[in-house]
N, C-alpha and C. Protein backbone atom coordinates (compact mmCIF):
# COMPACT_ATOMS: atom_id res chain seq x y z
N MET A 1 -46.93 -35.63 16.39
CA MET A 1 -45.27 -34.60 15.71
C MET A 1 -45.22 -36.05 15.12
N SER A 2 -44.47 -35.25 13.80
CA SER A 2 -43.20 -36.37 13.38
C SER A 2 -41.76 -35.46 12.58
N VAL A 3 -41.10 -36.44 12.52
CA VAL A 3 -39.62 -35.83 12.42
C VAL A 3 -39.75 -35.47 11.03
N GLU A 4 -39.31 -34.36 10.33
CA GLU A 4 -39.52 -33.99 8.86
C GLU A 4 -38.25 -33.52 8.52
N VAL A 5 -37.80 -33.93 7.12
CA VAL A 5 -36.93 -32.79 6.36
C VAL A 5 -36.83 -31.96 5.85
N LEU A 6 -37.09 -30.55 5.67
CA LEU A 6 -37.22 -29.64 4.72
C LEU A 6 -35.86 -28.83 4.93
N ASP A 7 -36.78 -27.89 3.90
CA ASP A 7 -35.31 -26.91 3.63
C ASP A 7 -36.26 -25.55 3.52
N ALA A 8 -35.37 -24.26 3.04
CA ALA A 8 -36.27 -23.30 2.39
C ALA A 8 -37.25 -22.94 1.65
N ALA A 9 -36.96 -23.97 0.73
CA ALA A 9 -37.44 -23.83 -0.35
C ALA A 9 -38.94 -24.50 -0.15
N THR A 10 -38.74 -25.42 0.76
CA THR A 10 -40.29 -26.31 1.13
C THR A 10 -40.98 -25.22 1.24
N ILE A 11 -40.72 -24.17 1.96
CA ILE A 11 -41.74 -22.95 2.73
C ILE A 11 -42.26 -22.46 1.81
N PHE A 12 -40.67 -22.15 1.15
CA PHE A 12 -41.33 -20.59 -0.17
C PHE A 12 -42.07 -21.40 -0.53
N ASN A 13 -41.75 -22.58 -1.38
CA ASN A 13 -43.18 -23.15 -2.27
C ASN A 13 -44.01 -23.09 -1.96
N PHE A 14 -44.35 -23.53 -0.18
CA PHE A 14 -45.39 -23.66 -0.07
C PHE A 14 -46.53 -21.97 0.14
N VAL A 15 -45.77 -21.02 0.52
CA VAL A 15 -46.37 -19.81 0.75
C VAL A 15 -46.62 -19.54 -0.89
N ASP A 16 -45.78 -19.66 -1.79
CA ASP A 16 -45.90 -19.23 -3.27
C ASP A 16 -47.24 -20.10 -3.99
N ASP A 17 -47.82 -21.13 -3.39
CA ASP A 17 -48.84 -21.95 -3.73
C ASP A 17 -49.75 -21.11 -3.14
N GLU A 18 -50.62 -20.01 -4.10
CA GLU A 18 -50.94 -19.04 -3.17
C GLU A 18 -52.81 -20.00 -2.93
N GLU A 19 -53.03 -21.10 -3.19
CA GLU A 19 -54.01 -21.87 -3.24
C GLU A 19 -53.74 -22.71 -1.58
N ALA A 20 -52.77 -23.48 -1.80
CA ALA A 20 -52.96 -24.52 -0.87
C ALA A 20 -52.67 -23.39 0.48
N PHE A 21 -52.10 -22.18 0.49
CA PHE A 21 -51.71 -21.49 1.76
C PHE A 21 -52.26 -20.71 2.13
N GLU A 22 -53.44 -20.31 1.17
CA GLU A 22 -54.68 -19.52 1.74
C GLU A 22 -55.37 -20.70 2.16
N ILE A 23 -56.14 -22.05 1.67
CA ILE A 23 -56.52 -22.92 2.44
C ILE A 23 -56.06 -22.81 3.98
N SER A 24 -54.97 -23.50 4.12
CA SER A 24 -54.14 -24.18 4.98
C SER A 24 -54.53 -22.69 6.30
N VAL A 25 -54.27 -21.50 5.71
CA VAL A 25 -54.07 -20.24 6.87
C VAL A 25 -55.95 -20.04 7.04
N CYS A 26 -56.78 -20.19 6.20
CA CYS A 26 -58.86 -20.05 6.75
C CYS A 26 -58.93 -21.54 7.24
N ASP A 27 -57.88 -22.38 7.39
CA ASP A 27 -58.51 -23.48 8.18
C ASP A 27 -58.13 -22.45 9.76
N ARG A 28 -56.87 -22.39 9.84
CA ARG A 28 -56.23 -22.70 10.87
C ARG A 28 -57.20 -21.25 11.89
N PHE A 29 -57.36 -20.26 10.87
CA PHE A 29 -58.22 -19.03 11.35
C PHE A 29 -59.66 -19.48 12.16
N ALA A 30 -59.81 -20.70 11.38
CA ALA A 30 -61.17 -20.83 11.25
C ALA A 30 -61.23 -21.39 12.78
N HIS A 31 -60.33 -22.45 12.86
CA HIS A 31 -59.83 -23.28 14.45
C HIS A 31 -59.56 -22.31 15.53
N LEU A 32 -59.26 -21.35 15.54
CA LEU A 32 -59.06 -20.85 16.63
C LEU A 32 -60.32 -19.80 16.68
N ASP A 33 -60.92 -19.10 15.41
CA ASP A 33 -62.12 -18.20 15.74
C ASP A 33 -63.42 -18.65 16.50
N THR A 34 -62.93 -18.73 17.89
CA THR A 34 -63.95 -19.92 18.19
C THR A 34 -65.34 -19.44 18.71
N ASN A 35 -65.08 -17.93 18.34
CA ASN A 35 -66.93 -17.48 18.66
C ASN A 35 -67.34 -17.54 17.26
N HIS A 36 -66.87 -17.41 16.60
CA HIS A 36 -67.07 -17.42 14.92
C HIS A 36 -67.56 -15.70 14.75
N ASP A 37 -67.48 -15.12 14.97
CA ASP A 37 -67.08 -13.86 14.31
C ASP A 37 -66.08 -13.27 13.91
N GLY A 38 -65.56 -13.93 12.96
CA GLY A 38 -64.61 -13.68 12.01
C GLY A 38 -63.76 -13.02 12.10
N LEU A 39 -63.31 -12.69 13.75
CA LEU A 39 -61.99 -12.34 13.73
C LEU A 39 -61.44 -12.65 15.14
N LEU A 40 -59.58 -12.49 15.68
CA LEU A 40 -59.39 -13.85 16.85
C LEU A 40 -59.17 -12.14 17.48
N SER A 41 -59.30 -12.38 18.46
CA SER A 41 -59.08 -11.95 20.35
C SER A 41 -57.86 -12.20 20.45
N TYR A 42 -57.17 -11.07 21.66
CA TYR A 42 -56.49 -11.64 22.30
C TYR A 42 -56.13 -12.85 22.78
N VAL A 43 -57.26 -13.10 23.56
CA VAL A 43 -57.53 -14.85 24.37
C VAL A 43 -57.64 -15.87 23.19
N GLU A 44 -58.33 -15.41 21.83
CA GLU A 44 -58.31 -17.12 20.60
C GLU A 44 -57.10 -16.81 20.35
N MET A 45 -56.10 -15.61 20.30
CA MET A 45 -55.17 -16.25 20.24
C MET A 45 -54.01 -16.71 20.50
N LEU A 46 -53.76 -16.45 22.19
CA LEU A 46 -53.47 -17.25 23.09
C LEU A 46 -52.60 -17.92 23.33
N LYS A 47 -53.76 -18.65 22.49
CA LYS A 47 -53.57 -20.32 22.81
C LYS A 47 -52.68 -21.05 21.72
N GLU A 48 -52.77 -20.25 20.28
CA GLU A 48 -51.64 -20.41 19.71
C GLU A 48 -50.38 -19.49 19.90
N LEU A 49 -50.66 -18.79 19.99
CA LEU A 49 -49.08 -17.99 20.60
C LEU A 49 -48.77 -18.77 21.95
N GLN A 50 -49.17 -19.35 22.90
CA GLN A 50 -48.52 -20.57 23.98
C GLN A 50 -48.20 -21.72 23.18
N CYS A 51 -48.41 -21.81 22.24
CA CYS A 51 -48.08 -23.29 21.28
C CYS A 51 -46.82 -22.99 20.84
N LEU A 52 -45.93 -22.20 20.45
CA LEU A 52 -44.49 -21.53 20.04
C LEU A 52 -43.94 -21.89 21.54
N ARG A 53 -43.96 -21.64 22.30
CA ARG A 53 -43.64 -22.36 23.66
C ARG A 53 -41.95 -21.16 23.64
N VAL A 54 -42.43 -20.10 23.23
CA VAL A 54 -40.79 -18.86 23.07
C VAL A 54 -40.21 -19.05 23.93
N PHE A 55 -40.61 -19.23 25.25
CA PHE A 55 -39.18 -18.86 26.32
C PHE A 55 -39.33 -19.94 26.66
N GLU A 56 -40.39 -21.46 26.85
CA GLU A 56 -40.66 -22.43 28.00
C GLU A 56 -39.37 -23.25 27.75
N THR A 57 -38.62 -23.25 26.80
CA THR A 57 -38.00 -24.32 26.72
C THR A 57 -36.90 -23.96 26.32
N HIS A 58 -35.15 -23.91 26.67
CA HIS A 58 -34.20 -23.98 26.29
C HIS A 58 -33.27 -25.07 26.02
N PHE A 59 -33.35 -25.40 24.58
CA PHE A 59 -32.59 -26.23 24.07
C PHE A 59 -33.06 -27.60 24.13
N GLY A 60 -34.68 -27.72 24.37
CA GLY A 60 -36.05 -28.86 23.79
C GLY A 60 -35.60 -28.80 25.65
N ILE A 61 -34.99 -28.59 26.54
CA ILE A 61 -35.54 -28.51 28.11
C ILE A 61 -36.49 -27.40 28.61
N ASP A 62 -37.97 -28.27 28.95
CA ASP A 62 -38.78 -26.98 29.76
C ASP A 62 -38.21 -26.26 30.85
N VAL A 63 -38.13 -25.04 31.04
CA VAL A 63 -37.91 -23.98 31.73
C VAL A 63 -38.70 -23.10 32.73
N LYS A 64 -38.85 -22.70 33.40
CA LYS A 64 -40.14 -21.71 34.35
C LYS A 64 -39.49 -20.23 33.68
N PRO A 65 -40.47 -19.91 32.95
CA PRO A 65 -40.34 -18.28 32.65
C PRO A 65 -40.94 -17.48 33.66
N ASP A 66 -40.51 -16.31 34.04
CA ASP A 66 -40.69 -15.60 34.55
C ASP A 66 -42.31 -14.79 33.42
N PRO A 67 -43.18 -15.18 34.11
CA PRO A 67 -44.54 -15.07 33.37
C PRO A 67 -44.85 -13.30 33.85
N ASP A 68 -44.41 -12.39 33.91
CA ASP A 68 -44.46 -11.05 33.21
C ASP A 68 -44.06 -11.03 32.16
N GLU A 69 -42.67 -11.43 32.04
CA GLU A 69 -41.80 -11.56 30.80
C GLU A 69 -42.19 -11.80 29.44
N LEU A 70 -43.04 -13.64 30.00
CA LEU A 70 -43.73 -14.23 29.29
C LEU A 70 -45.06 -13.82 28.94
N ALA A 71 -46.05 -12.51 29.27
CA ALA A 71 -47.02 -11.92 29.02
C ALA A 71 -46.27 -10.52 27.97
N ARG A 72 -45.53 -9.83 28.07
CA ARG A 72 -45.31 -9.25 27.57
C ARG A 72 -45.17 -10.08 26.20
N VAL A 73 -44.39 -10.81 25.55
CA VAL A 73 -43.97 -11.19 24.89
C VAL A 73 -45.11 -11.88 23.98
N TYR A 74 -45.64 -12.29 24.91
CA TYR A 74 -47.14 -13.23 24.20
C TYR A 74 -48.12 -11.41 23.91
N ASP A 75 -47.97 -10.38 24.21
CA ASP A 75 -48.85 -8.65 24.36
C ASP A 75 -47.76 -8.48 22.70
N SER A 76 -46.73 -9.02 22.76
CA SER A 76 -45.93 -8.10 21.39
C SER A 76 -46.23 -9.01 20.16
N LEU A 77 -46.45 -10.16 20.55
CA LEU A 77 -46.66 -11.44 19.05
C LEU A 77 -48.31 -11.05 18.64
N PHE A 78 -48.81 -10.42 19.76
CA PHE A 78 -50.39 -10.23 19.42
C PHE A 78 -50.26 -9.14 18.70
N MET A 79 -49.55 -8.18 18.51
CA MET A 79 -49.11 -6.61 18.04
C MET A 79 -48.83 -6.98 16.67
N GLN A 80 -48.07 -7.74 16.77
CA GLN A 80 -47.56 -7.85 15.01
C GLN A 80 -48.48 -8.33 14.46
N PHE A 81 -49.53 -8.99 14.86
CA PHE A 81 -50.57 -9.31 14.11
C PHE A 81 -51.64 -8.67 13.96
N ASP A 82 -51.71 -7.79 14.79
CA ASP A 82 -52.95 -6.49 14.94
C ASP A 82 -52.08 -5.96 14.15
N HIS A 83 -52.23 -5.96 12.53
CA HIS A 83 -51.31 -4.31 12.49
C HIS A 83 -52.33 -3.22 12.11
N ASP A 84 -54.03 -3.07 12.47
CA ASP A 84 -54.20 -2.03 12.12
C ASP A 84 -54.54 -1.41 13.99
N SER A 85 -53.98 -2.56 14.93
CA SER A 85 -54.23 -2.07 16.67
C SER A 85 -55.62 -2.10 16.85
N ASN A 86 -56.52 -2.43 16.43
CA ASN A 86 -57.83 -2.27 16.86
C ASN A 86 -58.26 -3.64 18.18
N GLY A 87 -57.66 -4.02 18.64
CA GLY A 87 -57.49 -4.97 19.40
C GLY A 87 -58.49 -6.54 18.70
N THR A 88 -58.47 -6.46 17.32
CA THR A 88 -58.42 -8.11 17.15
C THR A 88 -57.95 -8.18 15.78
N VAL A 89 -57.55 -9.42 14.88
CA VAL A 89 -57.00 -10.12 14.12
C VAL A 89 -57.82 -10.38 13.26
N ASP A 90 -57.92 -9.39 11.89
CA ASP A 90 -58.71 -10.35 11.02
C ASP A 90 -58.48 -11.27 9.78
N LEU A 91 -58.76 -12.16 9.31
CA LEU A 91 -58.20 -13.14 8.07
C LEU A 91 -57.45 -12.21 7.53
N VAL A 92 -57.52 -10.79 6.82
CA VAL A 92 -56.13 -10.70 5.84
C VAL A 92 -55.11 -10.30 7.12
N GLU A 93 -54.78 -10.01 8.32
CA GLU A 93 -53.73 -9.67 9.21
C GLU A 93 -53.54 -10.69 9.47
N PHE A 94 -53.77 -12.38 9.62
CA PHE A 94 -53.23 -13.53 10.11
C PHE A 94 -52.27 -13.96 9.22
N LYS A 95 -53.10 -13.64 7.98
CA LYS A 95 -52.73 -14.25 6.45
C LYS A 95 -51.59 -13.46 6.16
N GLU A 96 -51.34 -11.85 6.40
CA GLU A 96 -50.17 -11.53 6.14
C GLU A 96 -49.04 -11.82 7.02
N GLU A 97 -49.29 -11.98 8.34
CA GLU A 97 -48.40 -12.11 9.11
C GLU A 97 -47.64 -13.57 9.07
N THR A 98 -48.66 -14.44 9.22
CA THR A 98 -48.68 -15.57 9.04
C THR A 98 -46.75 -15.93 7.76
N LYS A 99 -47.75 -15.45 6.67
CA LYS A 99 -46.62 -15.27 5.72
C LYS A 99 -45.19 -14.71 6.08
N ARG A 100 -45.50 -13.20 6.45
CA ARG A 100 -44.50 -12.78 6.72
C ARG A 100 -43.30 -13.50 7.66
N MET A 101 -44.14 -14.41 8.79
CA MET A 101 -43.12 -15.62 9.85
C MET A 101 -42.67 -16.14 8.73
N MET A 102 -43.42 -16.87 8.28
CA MET A 102 -42.97 -18.31 7.29
C MET A 102 -41.88 -17.99 6.08
N LEU A 103 -41.41 -17.15 5.81
CA LEU A 103 -40.88 -16.20 5.13
C LEU A 103 -39.27 -16.00 6.02
N ALA A 104 -39.68 -15.34 7.36
CA ALA A 104 -38.86 -15.08 8.19
C ALA A 104 -37.79 -16.68 8.14
N VAL A 105 -38.96 -17.90 8.91
CA VAL A 105 -38.16 -18.83 8.82
C VAL A 105 -37.54 -19.61 7.65
N ALA A 106 -38.22 -19.39 6.81
CA ALA A 106 -37.15 -19.66 5.64
C ALA A 106 -35.76 -19.16 5.01
N ASN A 107 -36.22 -17.80 4.91
CA ASN A 107 -34.59 -16.89 5.20
C ASN A 107 -33.86 -17.13 6.07
N GLY A 108 -34.53 -17.47 7.42
CA GLY A 108 -33.08 -18.11 8.57
C GLY A 108 -32.68 -19.73 8.19
N MET A 109 -33.81 -20.17 7.53
CA MET A 109 -33.20 -21.57 7.50
C MET A 109 -31.89 -22.29 6.09
N GLY A 110 -31.87 -21.55 5.52
CA GLY A 110 -30.73 -21.70 4.15
C GLY A 110 -31.94 -22.74 3.89
N PHE A 111 -30.87 -23.26 2.43
CA PHE A 111 -31.21 -24.56 1.54
C PHE A 111 -30.70 -25.73 2.19
N LEU A 112 -29.66 -25.74 3.14
CA LEU A 112 -29.62 -27.43 3.05
C LEU A 112 -30.40 -28.01 4.16
N PRO A 113 -30.91 -29.21 3.73
CA PRO A 113 -31.68 -29.56 4.39
C PRO A 113 -31.64 -30.00 6.05
N VAL A 114 -32.75 -29.51 6.78
CA VAL A 114 -32.70 -29.56 8.42
C VAL A 114 -33.81 -31.04 8.98
N GLN A 115 -33.49 -31.59 9.68
CA GLN A 115 -34.48 -32.44 10.24
C GLN A 115 -35.31 -31.98 11.51
N MET A 116 -36.18 -31.84 11.40
CA MET A 116 -36.87 -31.19 12.41
C MET A 116 -38.27 -31.87 13.13
N ILE A 117 -38.80 -31.70 14.34
CA ILE A 117 -39.55 -32.33 14.76
C ILE A 117 -40.92 -31.39 14.38
N LEU A 118 -41.96 -31.67 13.95
CA LEU A 118 -43.08 -30.62 13.65
C LEU A 118 -44.34 -31.40 13.99
N GLU A 119 -45.15 -30.54 14.54
CA GLU A 119 -46.78 -30.94 14.83
C GLU A 119 -47.58 -31.22 13.64
N GLU A 120 -48.32 -31.74 14.21
CA GLU A 120 -48.73 -32.11 12.82
C GLU A 120 -50.11 -31.28 12.37
N ASP A 121 -50.39 -30.60 13.09
CA ASP A 121 -51.71 -29.34 12.23
C ASP A 121 -50.57 -27.96 11.89
N SER A 122 -49.03 -27.90 12.30
CA SER A 122 -48.53 -26.48 11.93
C SER A 122 -48.38 -26.52 10.41
N PHE A 123 -48.32 -25.23 10.54
CA PHE A 123 -48.05 -24.48 8.99
C PHE A 123 -46.15 -25.12 8.29
N LEU A 124 -45.52 -25.64 9.15
CA LEU A 124 -44.17 -26.12 8.45
C LEU A 124 -44.65 -28.03 8.21
N LYS A 125 -45.55 -28.44 8.88
CA LYS A 125 -46.13 -29.90 8.44
C LYS A 125 -46.75 -29.83 7.20
N LYS A 126 -47.39 -28.65 6.98
CA LYS A 126 -48.38 -28.77 5.47
C LYS A 126 -47.44 -28.11 4.67
N ALA A 127 -46.50 -27.44 4.57
CA ALA A 127 -45.55 -27.47 3.84
C ALA A 127 -44.80 -28.50 3.08
N VAL A 128 -44.25 -29.44 3.77
CA VAL A 128 -44.02 -30.57 3.98
C VAL A 128 -44.71 -32.33 3.71
N ASP A 129 -45.92 -31.49 3.91
CA ASP A 129 -46.67 -32.53 3.02
C ASP A 129 -46.94 -32.10 1.71
N ARG A 130 -47.08 -30.76 1.50
CA ARG A 130 -47.42 -30.64 -0.11
C ARG A 130 -46.00 -31.03 -0.80
N GLU A 131 -45.29 -30.30 -0.28
CA GLU A 131 -43.85 -30.99 -1.29
C GLU A 131 -43.99 -32.92 -1.33
N SER A 132 -44.59 -33.02 -0.09
CA SER A 132 -43.96 -34.86 -0.25
C SER A 132 -45.24 -34.81 -1.36
N THR A 133 -46.17 -34.30 -1.35
CA THR A 133 -47.47 -34.86 -2.38
C THR A 133 -47.32 -34.59 -3.50
N ARG A 134 -46.23 -33.64 -3.82
CA ARG A 134 -45.79 -32.73 -5.27
C ARG A 134 -45.25 -34.08 -5.62
N VAL A 135 -43.89 -34.22 -5.20
CA VAL A 135 -42.87 -35.22 -5.78
C VAL A 135 -43.55 -36.73 -6.17
N ALA A 136 -44.32 -36.68 -5.28
CA ALA A 136 -44.80 -37.74 -5.56
C ALA A 136 -46.09 -38.32 -6.71
N VAL A 137 -46.25 -37.27 -7.50
CA VAL A 137 -47.09 -37.38 -8.29
C VAL A 137 -46.20 -37.51 -9.66
């Protein structure tokens, strides 16, 4: 983890850089696709969804969520990715939904810089790294 400063432009620029975004999405998809069949099952996606810690923290403090409610949230998130409702997520669905979620984060963030703690392999961290590399050149 690292503390980074970013704003909506950092995310918009990352998503707009089709090559950088595509590489990041393909890398993440390949990492999640543990059986290498080109599709993500619910089980393969669950680890990624759990990393979001949707209900497991409240203002940074760990809480014990209701397991049934948590299962419903994870099911709902998986269905957001599974656009054709076939029970799996392909690379196109994964890319489209990741892009949609990244843009939603950017729209919610606004253009004032925000300091955040980011996971090293997260899409937001990759957006910050891309921006840092471009500024340094």
